[in-house]
Amino acid sequence: MKFIQIIEYRTTRIDEFNALLDGWVEKNAGHRLASRAVQTRDRDKENVYLNIVEFPSYEQAMDNSKRPETAEFAAGLAALCDGPPVFRNLDVLNERTFEG
């Protein structure tokens, strides 16, 4: 079953955050466990962002969380945030794609 993790965070340092994120993506090419990621900005709350990360399964997401390089990366991101992130862990029960 697909699994989605939503990470909500507040930062005034989004450019630095994205530079660290870009470095992580490049460094882990070919070793990533996530299948898709989307970064969003909350239009109603200043400096609030959400990353929506999709994994093939909950188990693979947890394997990703246990990797030392993931912990190091998360600590670097946390240092750029204005408080702790909020995590939402979601099992995908139904998925539809709409065109037209």
N, C-alpha and C. Protein backbone atom coordinates (compact mmCIF):
# COMPACT_ATOMS: atom_id res chain seq x y z
N MET A 1 0.85 -1.18 0.00
CA MET A 1 0.00 0.00 0.00
C MET A 1 0.89 1.24 0.00
N LYS A 2 0.61 2.18 -0.89
CA LYS A 2 1.36 3.43 -0.92
C LYS A 2 1.19 4.17 0.41
N PHE A 3 2.20 4.98 0.71
CA PHE A 3 2.23 5.73 1.96
C PHE A 3 2.67 7.15 1.66
N ILE A 4 2.02 8.12 2.29
CA ILE A 4 2.37 9.52 2.10
C ILE A 4 2.68 10.14 3.45
N GLN A 5 3.77 10.89 3.48
CA GLN A 5 4.10 11.64 4.68
C GLN A 5 4.04 13.12 4.33
N ILE A 6 3.31 13.87 5.13
CA ILE A 6 3.24 15.32 4.97
C ILE A 6 4.02 15.95 6.11
N ILE A 7 4.96 16.81 5.78
CA ILE A 7 5.78 17.48 6.78
C ILE A 7 5.49 18.97 6.68
N GLU A 8 4.93 19.52 7.73
CA GLU A 8 4.62 20.95 7.77
C GLU A 8 5.68 21.65 8.61
N TYR A 9 6.18 22.76 8.10
CA TYR A 9 7.23 23.49 8.81
C TYR A 9 7.12 24.98 8.53
N ARG A 10 7.71 25.76 9.42
CA ARG A 10 7.74 27.22 9.28
C ARG A 10 9.20 27.63 9.20
N THR A 11 9.51 28.46 8.20
CA THR A 11 10.88 28.97 8.08
C THR A 11 10.87 30.32 7.37
N THR A 12 11.79 31.16 7.78
CA THR A 12 12.03 32.42 7.07
C THR A 12 13.28 32.27 6.20
N ARG A 13 13.82 31.04 6.17
CA ARG A 13 15.06 30.77 5.45
C ARG A 13 14.82 29.74 4.34
N ILE A 14 13.76 29.94 3.57
CA ILE A 14 13.36 28.94 2.57
C ILE A 14 14.43 28.74 1.48
N ASP A 15 15.17 29.77 1.13
CA ASP A 15 16.20 29.60 0.11
C ASP A 15 17.31 28.67 0.61
N GLU A 16 17.71 28.82 1.86
CA GLU A 16 18.72 27.93 2.45
C GLU A 16 18.16 26.52 2.59
N PHE A 17 16.90 26.44 3.00
CA PHE A 17 16.22 25.15 3.13
C PHE A 17 16.24 24.43 1.79
N ASN A 18 15.87 25.13 0.73
CA ASN A 18 15.81 24.52 -0.60
C ASN A 18 17.20 24.15 -1.13
N ALA A 19 18.21 24.93 -0.79
CA ALA A 19 19.57 24.59 -1.20
C ALA A 19 20.00 23.28 -0.53
N LEU A 20 19.67 23.11 0.75
CA LEU A 20 19.99 21.87 1.45
C LEU A 20 19.19 20.71 0.85
N LEU A 21 17.94 20.96 0.54
CA LEU A 21 17.09 19.94 -0.07
C LEU A 21 17.62 19.53 -1.44
N ASP A 22 18.03 20.49 -2.25
CA ASP A 22 18.58 20.19 -3.57
C ASP A 22 19.86 19.35 -3.45
N GLY A 23 20.68 19.68 -2.47
CA GLY A 23 21.90 18.91 -2.23
C GLY A 23 21.60 17.47 -1.84
N TRP A 24 20.57 17.30 -1.02
CA TRP A 24 20.14 15.96 -0.60
C TRP A 24 19.67 15.14 -1.80
N VAL A 25 18.87 15.76 -2.65
CA VAL A 25 18.35 15.07 -3.83
C VAL A 25 19.51 14.63 -4.72
N GLU A 26 20.46 15.52 -4.95
CA GLU A 26 21.60 15.19 -5.80
C GLU A 26 22.47 14.09 -5.16
N LYS A 27 22.75 14.22 -3.89
CA LYS A 27 23.61 13.26 -3.18
C LYS A 27 23.00 11.86 -3.15
N ASN A 28 21.69 11.77 -3.13
CA ASN A 28 21.02 10.48 -2.99
C ASN A 28 20.43 9.94 -4.28
N ALA A 29 20.83 10.49 -5.40
CA ALA A 29 20.36 9.99 -6.69
C ALA A 29 20.69 8.50 -6.80
N GLY A 30 19.69 7.72 -7.15
CA GLY A 30 19.87 6.29 -7.26
C GLY A 30 19.73 5.52 -5.96
N HIS A 31 19.61 6.23 -4.83
CA HIS A 31 19.49 5.59 -3.52
C HIS A 31 18.23 6.03 -2.76
N ARG A 32 17.40 6.82 -3.40
CA ARG A 32 16.21 7.34 -2.73
C ARG A 32 15.16 6.25 -2.56
N LEU A 33 14.46 6.28 -1.45
CA LEU A 33 13.36 5.35 -1.22
C LEU A 33 12.01 6.00 -1.54
N ALA A 34 11.96 7.32 -1.54
CA ALA A 34 10.72 8.02 -1.89
C ALA A 34 10.50 7.93 -3.40
N SER A 35 9.24 7.87 -3.79
CA SER A 35 8.93 7.80 -5.22
C SER A 35 8.49 9.15 -5.79
N ARG A 36 8.08 10.07 -4.91
CA ARG A 36 7.61 11.37 -5.39
C ARG A 36 7.64 12.35 -4.22
N ALA A 37 7.90 13.61 -4.52
CA ALA A 37 7.87 14.65 -3.49
C ALA A 37 7.37 15.95 -4.10
N VAL A 38 6.56 16.66 -3.34
CA VAL A 38 6.03 17.96 -3.75
C VAL A 38 6.22 18.92 -2.59
N GLN A 39 6.77 20.10 -2.88
CA GLN A 39 6.90 21.13 -1.86
C GLN A 39 5.83 22.18 -2.13
N THR A 40 5.13 22.59 -1.08
CA THR A 40 4.07 23.58 -1.23
C THR A 40 4.26 24.71 -0.22
N ARG A 41 3.61 25.83 -0.50
CA ARG A 41 3.61 26.99 0.41
C ARG A 41 2.18 27.29 0.78
N ASP A 42 1.91 27.48 2.04
CA ASP A 42 0.57 27.81 2.51
C ASP A 42 0.27 29.26 2.14
N ARG A 43 -0.76 29.47 1.37
CA ARG A 43 -1.12 30.83 0.94
C ARG A 43 -1.73 31.66 2.06
N ASP A 44 -2.20 31.00 3.11
CA ASP A 44 -2.89 31.70 4.20
C ASP A 44 -2.02 31.93 5.43
N LYS A 45 -0.86 31.29 5.50
CA LYS A 45 0.01 31.42 6.67
C LYS A 45 1.42 31.75 6.18
N GLU A 46 1.89 32.92 6.57
CA GLU A 46 3.20 33.37 6.13
C GLU A 46 4.31 32.43 6.62
N ASN A 47 5.22 32.10 5.72
CA ASN A 47 6.40 31.28 6.01
C ASN A 47 6.08 29.85 6.44
N VAL A 48 4.91 29.35 6.05
CA VAL A 48 4.54 27.97 6.34
C VAL A 48 4.56 27.18 5.04
N TYR A 49 5.22 26.02 5.10
CA TYR A 49 5.41 25.17 3.93
C TYR A 49 5.05 23.74 4.30
N LEU A 50 4.70 22.96 3.28
CA LEU A 50 4.42 21.54 3.47
C LEU A 50 5.13 20.76 2.38
N ASN A 51 5.84 19.72 2.79
CA ASN A 51 6.41 18.79 1.83
C ASN A 51 5.56 17.53 1.87
N ILE A 52 5.13 17.08 0.71
CA ILE A 52 4.31 15.88 0.58
C ILE A 52 5.19 14.84 -0.10
N VAL A 53 5.52 13.78 0.64
CA VAL A 53 6.47 12.78 0.15
C VAL A 53 5.76 11.43 0.05
N GLU A 54 5.83 10.84 -1.13
CA GLU A 54 5.17 9.56 -1.36
C GLU A 54 6.20 8.43 -1.40
N PHE A 55 5.85 7.32 -0.75
CA PHE A 55 6.69 6.13 -0.72
C PHE A 55 5.87 4.95 -1.24
N PRO A 56 6.53 3.93 -1.78
CA PRO A 56 5.80 2.75 -2.21
C PRO A 56 5.07 2.04 -1.07
N SER A 57 5.60 2.18 0.17
CA SER A 57 4.96 1.54 1.32
C SER A 57 5.40 2.23 2.61
N TYR A 58 4.65 1.99 3.66
CA TYR A 58 5.01 2.49 5.00
C TYR A 58 6.38 1.94 5.41
N GLU A 59 6.61 0.67 5.14
CA GLU A 59 7.86 0.03 5.52
C GLU A 59 9.06 0.72 4.88
N GLN A 60 8.93 1.07 3.61
CA GLN A 60 10.04 1.77 2.94
C GLN A 60 10.23 3.17 3.51
N ALA A 61 9.16 3.82 3.89
CA ALA A 61 9.28 5.13 4.52
C ALA A 61 10.03 5.02 5.84
N MET A 62 9.72 3.99 6.62
CA MET A 62 10.39 3.80 7.91
C MET A 62 11.85 3.41 7.70
N ASP A 63 12.14 2.62 6.67
CA ASP A 63 13.53 2.30 6.34
C ASP A 63 14.29 3.57 6.00
N ASN A 64 13.65 4.47 5.27
CA ASN A 64 14.25 5.75 4.92
C ASN A 64 14.54 6.56 6.18
N SER A 65 13.60 6.58 7.10
CA SER A 65 13.77 7.35 8.34
C SER A 65 14.92 6.83 9.19
N LYS A 66 15.22 5.55 9.10
CA LYS A 66 16.28 4.93 9.91
C LYS A 66 17.68 5.13 9.34
N ARG A 67 17.77 5.61 8.11
CA ARG A 67 19.08 5.79 7.49
C ARG A 67 19.84 6.93 8.18
N PRO A 68 21.12 6.76 8.51
CA PRO A 68 21.89 7.81 9.18
C PRO A 68 21.93 9.11 8.38
N GLU A 69 22.03 8.98 7.05
CA GLU A 69 22.07 10.19 6.23
C GLU A 69 20.75 10.95 6.26
N THR A 70 19.64 10.24 6.48
CA THR A 70 18.34 10.90 6.60
C THR A 70 18.28 11.68 7.91
N ALA A 71 18.79 11.10 8.99
CA ALA A 71 18.81 11.79 10.28
C ALA A 71 19.67 13.05 10.21
N GLU A 72 20.82 12.95 9.56
CA GLU A 72 21.70 14.10 9.41
C GLU A 72 21.03 15.20 8.58
N PHE A 73 20.39 14.80 7.50
CA PHE A 73 19.67 15.73 6.63
C PHE A 73 18.54 16.42 7.40
N ALA A 74 17.76 15.64 8.14
CA ALA A 74 16.63 16.20 8.91
C ALA A 74 17.12 17.19 9.95
N ALA A 75 18.24 16.91 10.59
CA ALA A 75 18.79 17.84 11.58
C ALA A 75 19.19 19.15 10.93
N GLY A 76 19.77 19.08 9.74
CA GLY A 76 20.13 20.30 9.02
C GLY A 76 18.92 21.12 8.65
N LEU A 77 17.86 20.45 8.21
CA LEU A 77 16.62 21.16 7.88
C LEU A 77 16.00 21.78 9.12
N ALA A 78 15.99 21.04 10.22
CA ALA A 78 15.39 21.53 11.48
C ALA A 78 16.08 22.80 11.95
N ALA A 79 17.39 22.88 11.72
CA ALA A 79 18.14 24.07 12.14
C ALA A 79 17.71 25.31 11.36
N LEU A 80 17.11 25.11 10.19
CA LEU A 80 16.66 26.24 9.36
C LEU A 80 15.19 26.60 9.61
N CYS A 81 14.53 25.84 10.47
CA CYS A 81 13.11 26.07 10.73
C CYS A 81 12.88 26.86 12.01
N ASP A 82 11.73 27.51 12.07
CA ASP A 82 11.36 28.33 13.23
C ASP A 82 10.49 27.53 14.18
N GLY A 83 10.92 26.34 14.52
CA GLY A 83 10.17 25.45 15.40
C GLY A 83 10.17 24.05 14.84
N PRO A 84 9.67 23.10 15.60
CA PRO A 84 9.68 21.71 15.14
C PRO A 84 8.66 21.47 14.03
N PRO A 85 8.98 20.56 13.11
CA PRO A 85 8.03 20.22 12.06
C PRO A 85 6.87 19.39 12.61
N VAL A 86 5.78 19.37 11.87
CA VAL A 86 4.62 18.53 12.21
C VAL A 86 4.52 17.47 11.12
N PHE A 87 4.43 16.21 11.53
CA PHE A 87 4.37 15.10 10.58
C PHE A 87 2.97 14.51 10.55
N ARG A 88 2.50 14.18 9.35
CA ARG A 88 1.26 13.43 9.17
C ARG A 88 1.61 12.20 8.36
N ASN A 89 1.26 11.04 8.86
CA ASN A 89 1.58 9.76 8.22
C ASN A 89 0.30 9.14 7.70
N LEU A 90 0.23 8.98 6.38
CA LEU A 90 -1.03 8.62 5.74
C LEU A 90 -0.91 7.38 4.84
N ASP A 91 -1.75 6.39 5.06
CA ASP A 91 -1.87 5.27 4.14
C ASP A 91 -2.79 5.70 3.00
N VAL A 92 -2.40 5.42 1.77
CA VAL A 92 -3.21 5.77 0.61
C VAL A 92 -4.27 4.66 0.43
N LEU A 93 -5.52 5.02 0.59
CA LEU A 93 -6.60 4.05 0.46
C LEU A 93 -7.20 4.04 -0.93
N ASN A 94 -7.19 5.21 -1.58
CA ASN A 94 -7.81 5.32 -2.89
C ASN A 94 -7.06 6.41 -3.64
N GLU A 95 -6.85 6.20 -4.92
CA GLU A 95 -6.13 7.17 -5.73
C GLU A 95 -6.80 7.29 -7.08
N ARG A 96 -7.00 8.52 -7.52
CA ARG A 96 -7.61 8.76 -8.84
C ARG A 96 -6.82 9.85 -9.54
N THR A 97 -6.75 9.75 -10.84
CA THR A 97 -6.14 10.78 -11.65
C THR A 97 -7.22 11.29 -12.61
N PHE A 98 -7.36 12.62 -12.66
CA PHE A 98 -8.40 13.21 -13.50
C PHE A 98 -7.75 13.99 -14.63
N GLU A 99 -8.29 13.83 -15.80
CA GLU A 99 -7.86 14.62 -16.96
C GLU A 99 -9.10 15.20 -17.63
N GLY A 100 -8.98 16.45 -18.04
CA GLY A 100 -10.04 17.09 -18.80
C GLY A 100 -11.29 17.36 -18.10
